[in-house]
PDB file of N, CA and C in Angstrom:
ATOM      1  N   MET A   1     112.131  95.842 118.457  1.00  0.00           N
ATOM      2  CA  MET A   1     112.675  96.852 117.377  1.00  0.00           C
ATOM      3  C   MET A   1     113.222  96.378 115.618  1.00  0.00           C
ATOM      4  N   ARG A   2     113.429  95.315 115.177  1.00  0.00           N
ATOM      5  CA  ARG A   2     113.735  94.869 114.423  1.00  0.00           C
ATOM      6  C   ARG A   2     112.288  95.086 113.632  1.00  0.00           C
ATOM      7  N   THR A   3     111.800  94.702 114.170  1.00  0.00           N
ATOM      8  CA  THR A   3     110.318  94.334 113.566  1.00  0.00           C
ATOM      9  C   THR A   3     109.986  95.729 112.379  1.00  0.00           C
ATOM     10  N   LEU A   4     109.826  96.919 113.132  1.00  0.00           N
ATOM     11  CA  LEU A   4     110.018  98.227 112.263  1.00  0.00           C
ATOM     12  C   LEU A   4     110.476  97.902 111.335  1.00  0.00           C
ATOM     13  N   PRO A   5     111.498  97.892 110.964  1.00  0.00           N
ATOM     14  CA  PRO A   5     112.335  98.263 109.923  1.00  0.00           C
ATOM     15  C   PRO A   5     112.159  97.553 108.651  1.00  0.00           C
ATOM     16  N   LEU A   6     112.120  95.856 109.178  1.00  0.00           N
ATOM     17  CA  LEU A   6     111.573  95.074 108.323  1.00  0.00           C
ATOM     18  C   LEU A   6     110.056  95.692 107.879  1.00  0.00           C
ATOM     19  N   LEU A   7     108.481  95.580 108.509  1.00  0.00           N
ATOM     20  CA  LEU A   7     107.762  96.247 107.908  1.00  0.00           C
ATOM     21  C   LEU A   7     107.862  97.231 106.804  1.00  0.00           C
ATOM     22  N   ALA A   8     108.344  98.464 107.385  1.00  0.00           N
ATOM     23  CA  ALA A   8     108.910  99.721 106.378  1.00  0.00           C
ATOM     24  C   ALA A   8     109.572  98.725 105.136  1.00  0.00           C
ATOM     25  N   LEU A   9     110.248  98.183 105.024  1.00  0.00           N
ATOM     26  CA  LEU A   9     110.598  97.784 103.581  1.00  0.00           C
ATOM     27  C   LEU A   9     109.667  96.599 103.227  1.00  0.00           C
ATOM     28  N   VAL A  10     108.999  96.121 103.396  1.00  0.00           N
ATOM     29  CA  VAL A  10     107.872  95.320 102.930  1.00  0.00           C
ATOM     30  C   VAL A  10     106.868  96.881 102.752  1.00  0.00           C
ATOM     31  N   LEU A  11     106.204  97.705 103.232  1.00  0.00           N
ATOM     32  CA  LEU A  11     104.959  98.765 102.833  1.00  0.00           C
ATOM     33  C   LEU A  11     106.220  99.324 101.647  1.00  0.00           C
ATOM     34  N   LEU A  12     107.715  99.518 101.568  1.00  0.00           N
ATOM     35  CA  LEU A  12     108.249 100.793 101.309  1.00  0.00           C
ATOM     36  C   LEU A  12     107.137 100.751  99.356  1.00  0.00           C
ATOM     37  N   PRO A  13     107.486  99.417  98.791  1.00  0.00           N
ATOM     38  CA  PRO A  13     107.516  99.060  97.403  1.00  0.00           C
ATOM     39  C   PRO A  13     105.565 100.001  97.326  1.00  0.00           C
ATOM     40  N   ALA A  14     104.679  99.386  98.065  1.00  0.00           N
ATOM     41  CA  ALA A  14     103.116  99.682  98.223  1.00  0.00           C
ATOM     42  C   ALA A  14     103.225 101.036  97.888  1.00  0.00           C
ATOM     43  N   LEU A  15     103.889 101.923  98.981  1.00  0.00           N
ATOM     44  CA  LEU A  15     103.714 103.645  98.938  1.00  0.00           C
ATOM     45  C   LEU A  15     104.291 104.167  97.150  1.00  0.00           C
ATOM     46  N   ALA A  16     105.327 103.441  96.911  1.00  0.00           N
ATOM     47  CA  ALA A  16     105.486 103.878  95.907  1.00  0.00           C
ATOM     48  C   ALA A  16     104.796 104.085  94.550  1.00  0.00           C
ATOM     49  N   THR A  17     103.508 103.263  94.691  1.00  0.00           N
ATOM     50  CA  THR A  17     102.979 103.252  93.753  1.00  0.00           C
ATOM     51  C   THR A  17     101.910 104.506  93.418  1.00  0.00           C
ATOM     52  N   ALA A  18     101.767 105.396  94.435  1.00  0.00           N
ATOM     53  CA  ALA A  18     101.263 106.399  94.008  1.00  0.00           C
ATOM     54  C   ALA A  18     101.845 107.898  94.346  1.00  0.00           C
ATOM     55  N   SER A  19     101.616 108.560  93.064  1.00  0.00           N
ATOM     56  CA  SER A  19     102.143 109.813  93.717  1.00  0.00           C
ATOM     57  C   SER A  19     100.998 110.815  93.327  1.00  0.00           C
ATOM     58  N   SER A  20     102.241 112.670  93.805  1.00  0.00           N
ATOM     59  CA  SER A  20     101.027 113.662  93.693  1.00  0.00           C
ATOM     60  C   SER A  20     102.100 114.425  92.428  1.00  0.00           C
ATOM     61  N   THR A  21     103.155 114.132  92.101  1.00  0.00           N
ATOM     62  CA  THR A  21     103.870 114.786  91.181  1.00  0.00           C
ATOM     63  C   THR A  21     104.581 113.459  89.871  1.00  0.00           C
ATOM     64  N   LEU A  22     104.671 114.323  88.462  1.00  0.00           N
ATOM     65  CA  LEU A  22     105.450 113.549  87.841  1.00  0.00           C
ATOM     66  C   LEU A  22     106.076 114.570  87.598  1.00  0.00           C
ATOM     67  N   ARG A  23     107.981 113.889  87.157  1.00  0.00           N
ATOM     68  CA  ARG A  23     108.448 114.309  86.321  1.00  0.00           C
ATOM     69  C   ARG A  23     108.655 114.345  84.714  1.00  0.00           C
ATOM     70  N   CYS A  24     108.737 115.696  84.437  1.00  0.00           N
ATOM     71  CA  CYS A  24     108.560 114.964  82.822  1.00  0.00           C
ATOM     72  C   CYS A  24     109.623 116.121  82.261  1.00  0.00           C
ATOM     73  N   ASP A  25     109.872 116.024  80.848  1.00  0.00           N
ATOM     74  CA  ASP A  25     111.298 116.451  80.259  1.00  0.00           C
ATOM     75  C   ASP A  25     111.411 117.944  80.520  1.00  0.00           C
ATOM     76  N   LYS A  26     110.098 118.669  80.381  1.00  0.00           N
ATOM     77  CA  LYS A  26     109.918 120.354  80.569  1.00  0.00           C
ATOM     78  C   LYS A  26     109.465 121.017  81.950  1.00  0.00           C
ATOM     79  N   GLY A  27     109.252 120.039  82.777  1.00  0.00           N
ATOM     80  CA  GLY A  27     108.714 120.308  84.426  1.00  0.00           C
ATOM     81  C   GLY A  27     108.484 119.692  84.865  1.00  0.00           C
ATOM     82  N   ILE A  28     107.485 119.779  85.662  1.00  0.00           N
ATOM     83  CA  ILE A  28     106.822 119.164  87.060  1.00  0.00           C
ATOM     84  C   ILE A  28     105.297 119.345  86.643  1.00  0.00           C
ATOM     85  N   VAL A  29     104.750 118.010  87.030  1.00  0.00           N
ATOM     86  CA  VAL A  29     103.053 118.356  86.799  1.00  0.00           C
ATOM     87  C   VAL A  29     102.541 117.829  88.715  1.00  0.00           C
ATOM     88  N   SER A  30     101.665 118.168  88.807  1.00  0.00           N
ATOM     89  CA  SER A  30     101.184 117.782  89.938  1.00  0.00           C
ATOM     90  C   SER A  30      99.720 117.676  90.021  1.00  0.00           C
ATOM     91  N   ILE A  31      98.881 117.146  91.213  1.00  0.00           N
ATOM     92  CA  ILE A  31      97.407 117.041  91.223  1.00  0.00           C
ATOM     93  C   ILE A  31      97.203 118.478  91.600  1.00  0.00           C
ATOM     94  N   GLY A  32      95.807 118.589  90.417  1.00  0.00           N
ATOM     95  CA  GLY A  32      95.360 119.720  90.676  1.00  0.00           C
ATOM     96  C   GLY A  32      95.941 120.203  89.138  1.00  0.00           C
ATOM     97  N   ASP A  33      96.564 120.319  87.805  1.00  0.00           N
ATOM     98  CA  ASP A  33      96.847 120.900  87.306  1.00  0.00           C
ATOM     99  C   ASP A  33      96.262 120.254  86.265  1.00  0.00           C
ATOM    100  N   ARG A  34      95.677 121.787  85.465  1.00  0.00           N
ATOM    101  CA  ARG A  34      95.117 121.465  84.038  1.00  0.00           C
ATOM    102  C   ARG A  34      95.949 120.557  83.055  1.00  0.00           C
ATOM    103  N   ALA A  35      95.180 119.677  82.123  1.00  0.00           N
ATOM    104  CA  ALA A  35      95.167 118.893  81.088  1.00  0.00           C
ATOM    105  C   ALA A  35      95.971 119.648  80.220  1.00  0.00           C
ATOM    106  N   SER A  36      95.472 120.941  79.712  1.00  0.00           N
ATOM    107  CA  SER A  36      96.949 121.394  78.793  1.00  0.00           C
ATOM    108  C   SER A  36      98.264 121.910  79.324  1.00  0.00           C
ATOM    109  N   GLU A  37      98.497 121.796  80.417  1.00  0.00           N
ATOM    110  CA  GLU A  37      99.711 122.202  80.994  1.00  0.00           C
ATOM    111  C   GLU A  37     100.675 121.032  80.988  1.00  0.00           C
ATOM    112  N   VAL A  38      99.897 119.819  81.627  1.00  0.00           N
ATOM    113  CA  VAL A  38     100.500 118.297  81.611  1.00  0.00           C
ATOM    114  C   VAL A  38     100.722 118.107  80.323  1.00  0.00           C
ATOM    115  N   ILE A  39      99.900 118.519  78.238  1.00  0.00           N
ATOM    116  CA  ILE A  39     100.811 118.483  77.471  1.00  0.00           C
ATOM    117  C   ILE A  39     102.195 119.537  77.484  1.00  0.00           C
ATOM    118  N   ALA A  40     101.680 120.607  78.518  1.00  0.00           N
ATOM    119  CA  ALA A  40     102.840 121.350  78.178  1.00  0.00           C
ATOM    120  C   ALA A  40     104.245 120.950  78.140  1.00  0.00           C
ATOM    121  N   LYS A  41     104.090 120.265  79.359  1.00  0.00           N
ATOM    122  CA  LYS A  41     105.158 119.628  80.248  1.00  0.00           C
ATOM    123  C   LYS A  41     105.945 118.260  79.889  1.00  0.00           C
ATOM    124  N   CYS A  42     104.997 117.156  79.599  1.00  0.00           N
ATOM    125  CA  CYS A  42     105.188 116.461  79.631  1.00  0.00           C
ATOM    126  C   CYS A  42     104.601 115.686  78.144  1.00  0.00           C
ATOM    127  N   GLY A  43     104.153 116.678  76.970  1.00  0.00           N
ATOM    128  CA  GLY A  43     103.944 116.222  75.397  1.00  0.00           C
ATOM    129  C   GLY A  43     102.600 115.560  76.021  1.00  0.00           C
ATOM    130  N   LYS A  44     102.439 114.870  74.297  1.00  0.00           N
ATOM    131  CA  LYS A  44     101.407 114.032  73.888  1.00  0.00           C
ATOM    132  C   LYS A  44     101.023 113.099  74.725  1.00  0.00           C
ATOM    133  N   PRO A  45      99.948 111.832  75.281  1.00  0.00           N
ATOM    134  CA  PRO A  45     100.438 110.333  75.818  1.00  0.00           C
ATOM    135  C   PRO A  45     100.534 109.632  75.181  1.00  0.00           C
ATOM    136  N   SER A  46     101.274 108.546  75.253  1.00  0.00           N
ATOM    137  CA  SER A  46     101.283 107.319  74.208  1.00  0.00           C
ATOM    138  C   SER A  46      99.654 107.340  74.140  1.00  0.00           C
ATOM    139  N   GLU A  47      98.755 106.934  75.697  1.00  0.00           N
ATOM    140  CA  GLU A  47      97.241 106.473  75.057  1.00  0.00           C
ATOM    141  C   GLU A  47      96.354 107.507  75.966  1.00  0.00           C
ATOM    142  N   ARG A  48      95.283 107.996  75.472  1.00  0.00           N
ATOM    143  CA  ARG A  48      94.415 108.663  75.898  1.00  0.00           C
ATOM    144  C   ARG A  48      93.149 108.025  76.042  1.00  0.00           C
ATOM    145  N   SER A  49      92.372 107.338  77.102  1.00  0.00           N
ATOM    146  CA  SER A  49      91.416 107.027  77.190  1.00  0.00           C
ATOM    147  C   SER A  49      89.930 107.852  77.862  1.00  0.00           C
ATOM    148  N   PHE A  50      88.914 107.993  77.400  1.00  0.00           N
ATOM    149  CA  PHE A  50      87.701 108.386  78.015  1.00  0.00           C
ATOM    150  C   PHE A  50      87.304 107.429  78.800  1.00  0.00           C
ATOM    151  N   ILE A  51      86.905 107.716  80.224  1.00  0.00           N
ATOM    152  CA  ILE A  51      86.368 106.724  80.654  1.00  0.00           C
ATOM    153  C   ILE A  51      84.944 107.113  80.862  1.00  0.00           C
ATOM    154  N   GLY A  52      84.272 107.814  80.846  1.00  0.00           N
ATOM    155  CA  GLY A  52      83.255 108.285  82.055  1.00  0.00           C
ATOM    156  C   GLY A  52      82.990 109.582  82.006  1.00  0.00           C
ATOM    157  N   TYR A  53      81.951 109.821  82.900  1.00  0.00           N
ATOM    158  CA  TYR A  53      81.749 111.092  83.765  1.00  0.00           C
ATOM    159  C   TYR A  53      81.229 110.760  85.007  1.00  0.00           C
ATOM    160  N   THR A  54      81.974 111.396  85.946  1.00  0.00           N
ATOM    161  CA  THR A  54      81.565 111.752  87.377  1.00  0.00           C
ATOM    162  C   THR A  54      81.072 113.090  87.573  1.00  0.00           C
ATOM    163  N   TYR A  55      79.933 113.061  88.443  1.00  0.00           N
ATOM    164  CA  TYR A  55      78.993 114.033  89.128  1.00  0.00           C
ATOM    165  C   TYR A  55      79.916 114.899  90.332  1.00  0.00           C
ATOM    166  N   SER A  56      79.687 116.073  89.802  1.00  0.00           N
ATOM    167  CA  SER A  56      80.298 116.841  91.206  1.00  0.00           C
ATOM    168  C   SER A  56      79.282 118.098  91.428  1.00  0.00           C
ATOM    169  N   GLY A  57      79.205 118.703  92.658  1.00  0.00           N
ATOM    170  CA  GLY A  57      78.692 119.711  92.937  1.00  0.00           C
ATOM    171  C   GLY A  57      78.235 120.574  92.193  1.00  0.00           C
ATOM    172  N   GLY A  58      79.669 120.761  91.235  1.00  0.00           N
ATOM    173  CA  GLY A  58      78.439 121.509  89.637  1.00  0.00           C
ATOM    174  C   GLY A  58      78.426 121.272  88.467  1.00  0.00           C
ATOM    175  N   GLY A  59      77.926 119.883  88.624  1.00  0.00           N
ATOM    176  CA  GLY A  59      77.563 118.898  87.238  1.00  0.00           C
ATOM    177  C   GLY A  59      78.485 117.831  87.171  1.00  0.00           C
ATOM    178  N   ASP A  60      78.147 116.919  85.791  1.00  0.00           N
ATOM    179  CA  ASP A  60      78.989 116.103  84.935  1.00  0.00           C
ATOM    180  C   ASP A  60      80.432 116.455  85.085  1.00  0.00           C
ATOM    181  N   GLN A  61      81.097 115.415  84.855  1.00  0.00           N
ATOM    182  CA  GLN A  61      82.457 115.964  84.384  1.00  0.00           C
ATOM    183  C   GLN A  61      83.380 114.910  83.973  1.00  0.00           C
ATOM    184  N   SER A  62      83.846 114.925  82.769  1.00  0.00           N
ATOM    185  CA  SER A  62      84.400 114.188  82.464  1.00  0.00           C
ATOM    186  C   SER A  62      86.130 113.573  82.491  1.00  0.00           C
ATOM    187  N   VAL A  63      85.902 112.221  82.422  1.00  0.00           N
ATOM    188  CA  VAL A  63      86.939 111.281  83.154  1.00  0.00           C
ATOM    189  C   VAL A  63      87.656 111.119  82.143  1.00  0.00           C
ATOM    190  N   GLU A  64      89.154 111.149  82.796  1.00  0.00           N
ATOM    191  CA  GLU A  64      89.992 110.574  81.208  1.00  0.00           C
ATOM    192  C   GLU A  64      91.353 110.074  81.884  1.00  0.00           C
ATOM    193  N   GLU A  65      91.482 108.692  81.422  1.00  0.00           N
ATOM    194  CA  GLU A  65      92.583 108.558  81.723  1.00  0.00           C
ATOM    195  C   GLU A  65      94.345 108.475  80.338  1.00  0.00           C
ATOM    196  N   TRP A  66      95.162 109.064  80.927  1.00  0.00           N
ATOM    197  CA  TRP A  66      96.634 109.288  80.136  1.00  0.00           C
ATOM    198  C   TRP A  66      97.616 108.096  80.467  1.00  0.00           C
ATOM    199  N   VAL A  67      98.141 107.753  79.705  1.00  0.00           N
ATOM    200  CA  VAL A  67      99.201 106.408  79.886  1.00  0.00           C
ATOM    201  C   VAL A  67     100.658 107.500  79.444  1.00  0.00           C
ATOM    202  N   TYR A  68     101.850 107.260  80.345  1.00  0.00           N
ATOM    203  CA  TYR A  68     102.871 107.966  79.655  1.00  0.00           C
ATOM    204  C   TYR A  68     104.013 106.439  80.063  1.00  0.00           C
ATOM    205  N   GLY A  69     104.577 106.140  78.852  1.00  0.00           N
ATOM    206  CA  GLY A  69     105.313 105.430  79.076  1.00  0.00           C
ATOM    207  C   GLY A  69     105.367 104.301  77.994  1.00  0.00           C
ATOM    208  N   PRO A  70     106.544 103.493  78.116  1.00  0.00           N
ATOM    209  CA  PRO A  70     107.541 103.567  79.419  1.00  0.00           C
ATOM    210  C   PRO A  70     108.739 103.945  79.201  1.00  0.00           C
ATOM    211  N   ARG A  71     108.801 104.452  80.594  1.00  0.00           N
ATOM    212  CA  ARG A  71     110.087 105.600  80.748  1.00  0.00           C
ATOM    213  C   ARG A  71     111.866 104.923  81.198  1.00  0.00           C
ATOM    214  N   SER A  72     112.261 105.908  81.548  1.00  0.00           N
ATOM    215  CA  SER A  72     113.023 104.731  81.716  1.00  0.00           C
ATOM    216  C   SER A  72     113.199 104.176  83.248  1.00  0.00           C
ATOM    217  N   GLY A  73     113.931 103.144  82.763  1.00  0.00           N
ATOM    218  CA  GLY A  73     113.520 102.200  84.116  1.00  0.00           C
ATOM    219  C   GLY A  73     112.344 101.405  83.735  1.00  0.00           C
ATOM    220  N   GLY A  74     111.200 101.500  82.534  1.00  0.00           N
ATOM    221  CA  GLY A  74     110.701 100.718  82.493  1.00  0.00           C
ATOM    222  C   GLY A  74     109.334 100.664  82.489  1.00  0.00           C
ATOM    223  N   MET A  75     109.015 102.217  83.711  1.00  0.00           N
ATOM    224  CA  MET A  75     108.474 102.930  84.530  1.00  0.00           C
ATOM    225  C   MET A  75     106.699 103.482  83.499  1.00  0.00           C
ATOM    226  N   VAL A  76     105.572 103.335  83.621  1.00  0.00           N
ATOM    227  CA  VAL A  76     104.664 103.130  83.020  1.00  0.00           C
ATOM    228  C   VAL A  76     104.058 104.501  83.992  1.00  0.00           C
ATOM    229  N   TYR A  77     103.039 105.156  83.785  1.00  0.00           N
ATOM    230  CA  TYR A  77     102.639 106.128  84.178  1.00  0.00           C
ATOM    231  C   TYR A  77     100.952 106.235  84.160  1.00  0.00           C
ATOM    232  N   PHE A  78     100.290 106.174  84.736  1.00  0.00           N
ATOM    233  CA  PHE A  78      98.515 106.613  84.255  1.00  0.00           C
ATOM    234  C   PHE A  78      98.167 108.034  84.631  1.00  0.00           C
ATOM    235  N   LEU A  79      97.734 109.021  84.459  1.00  0.00           N
ATOM    236  CA  LEU A  79      97.265 109.650  84.706  1.00  0.00           C
ATOM    237  C   LEU A  79      96.086 109.679  84.595  1.00  0.00           C
ATOM    238  N   ARG A  80      95.425 110.469  85.876  1.00  0.00           N
ATOM    239  CA  ARG A  80      93.662 110.599  85.752  1.00  0.00           C
ATOM    240  C   ARG A  80      93.107 112.170  85.533  1.00  0.00           C
ATOM    241  N   PHE A  81      91.871 111.991  84.658  1.00  0.00           N
ATOM    242  CA  PHE A  81      91.723 113.707  84.450  1.00  0.00           C
ATOM    243  C   PHE A  81      90.066 113.681  85.560  1.00  0.00           C
ATOM    244  N   GLU A  82      89.680 114.666  85.928  1.00  0.00           N
ATOM    245  CA  GLU A  82      88.714 114.804  85.919  1.00  0.00           C
ATOM    246  C   GLU A  82      87.957 116.120  85.854  1.00  0.00           C
ATOM    247  N   GLY A  83      87.301 116.412  84.611  1.00  0.00           N
ATOM    248  CA  GLY A  83      86.934 117.731  84.676  1.00  0.00           C
ATOM    249  C   GLY A  83      88.134 118.782  84.126  1.00  0.00           C
ATOM    250  N   GLY A  84      88.948 117.752  83.746  1.00  0.00           N
ATOM    251  CA  GLY A  84      90.591 118.388  82.625  1.00  0.00           C
ATOM    252  C   GLY A  84      91.182 118.754  83.560  1.00  0.00           C
ATOM    253  N   ARG A  85      90.776 118.621  85.246  1.00  0.00           N
ATOM    254  CA  ARG A  85      92.268 118.754  85.925  1.00  0.00           C
ATOM    255  C   ARG A  85      92.717 117.189  86.465  1.00  0.00           C
ATOM    256  N   LEU A  86      94.318 117.124  86.670  1.00  0.00           N
ATOM    257  CA  LEU A  86      94.837 116.042  87.057  1.00  0.00           C
ATOM    258  C   LEU A  86      94.700 115.331  88.467  1.00  0.00           C
ATOM    259  N   LYS A  87      93.448 114.046  88.889  1.00  0.00           N
ATOM    260  CA  LYS A  87      93.275 114.158  90.269  1.00  0.00           C
ATOM    261  C   LYS A  87      93.695 112.855  90.692  1.00  0.00           C
ATOM    262  N   ASN A  88      95.016 111.714  89.681  1.00  0.00           N
ATOM    263  CA  ASN A  88      95.609 110.991  90.393  1.00  0.00           C
ATOM    264  C   ASN A  88      96.538 111.018  89.535  1.00  0.00           C
ATOM    265  N   ILE A  89      97.724 109.822  89.944  1.00  0.00           N
ATOM    266  CA  ILE A  89      99.115 109.836  89.769  1.00  0.00           C
ATOM    267  C   ILE A  89      99.544 108.765  89.718  1.00  0.00           C
ATOM    268  N   ASP A  90      99.765 107.530  88.649  1.00  0.00           N
ATOM    269  CA  ASP A  90      99.538 105.932  89.347  1.00  0.00           C
ATOM    270  C   ASP A  90     100.681 105.658  88.625  1.00  0.00           C
ATOM    271  N   SER A  91     101.555 104.651  89.390  1.00  0.00           N
ATOM    272  CA  SER A  91     103.005 104.041  88.325  1.00  0.00           C
ATOM    273  C   SER A  91     102.850 102.513  88.415  1.00  0.00           C
ATOM    274  N   LYS A  92     103.774 101.684  87.822  1.00  0.00           N
ATOM    275  CA  LYS A  92     103.929 100.575  87.597  1.00  0.00           C
ATOM    276  C   LYS A  92     104.931 100.522  86.450  1.00  0.00           C
ATOM    277  N   ARG A  93     106.285  99.056  86.720  1.00  0.00           N
ATOM    278  CA  ARG A  93     107.024  98.719  86.129  1.00  0.00           C
ATOM    279  C   ARG A  93     105.985  97.885  85.042  1.00  0.00           C
ATOM    280  N   GLY A  94     106.615  98.701  84.454  1.00  0.00           N
ATOM    281  CA  GLY A  94     106.214  97.514  82.421  1.00  0.00           C
ATOM    282  C   GLY A  94     107.143  96.537  82.138  1.00  0.00           C
ATOM    283  N   ASN A  95     106.399  95.775  81.540  1.00  0.00           N
ATOM    284  CA  ASN A  95     106.778  93.914  81.023  1.00  0.00           C
ATOM    285  C   ASN A  95     108.261  94.726  79.930  1.00  0.00           C
TER     286      ASN A  95
END
């Protein structure tokens, strides 16, 4: 019985690094939001990198990574866009 709570404590930090939403000053952004919506809610990113292209059924789509932070608590957020849509949100504690 004690193994389950201990296992949950060990796995919890790993689960906290990926998220489907990010709270910003002017709202919450979610997977699937347009890049323009993210800028309207979070402002301009501190870094913006063009990664390359990925192929989707409709053709090539540009891939970008935007960085926000560090924010309160020292968290840095990495937002990945494919074809102008938010595809993934990752975070890590900054140095």
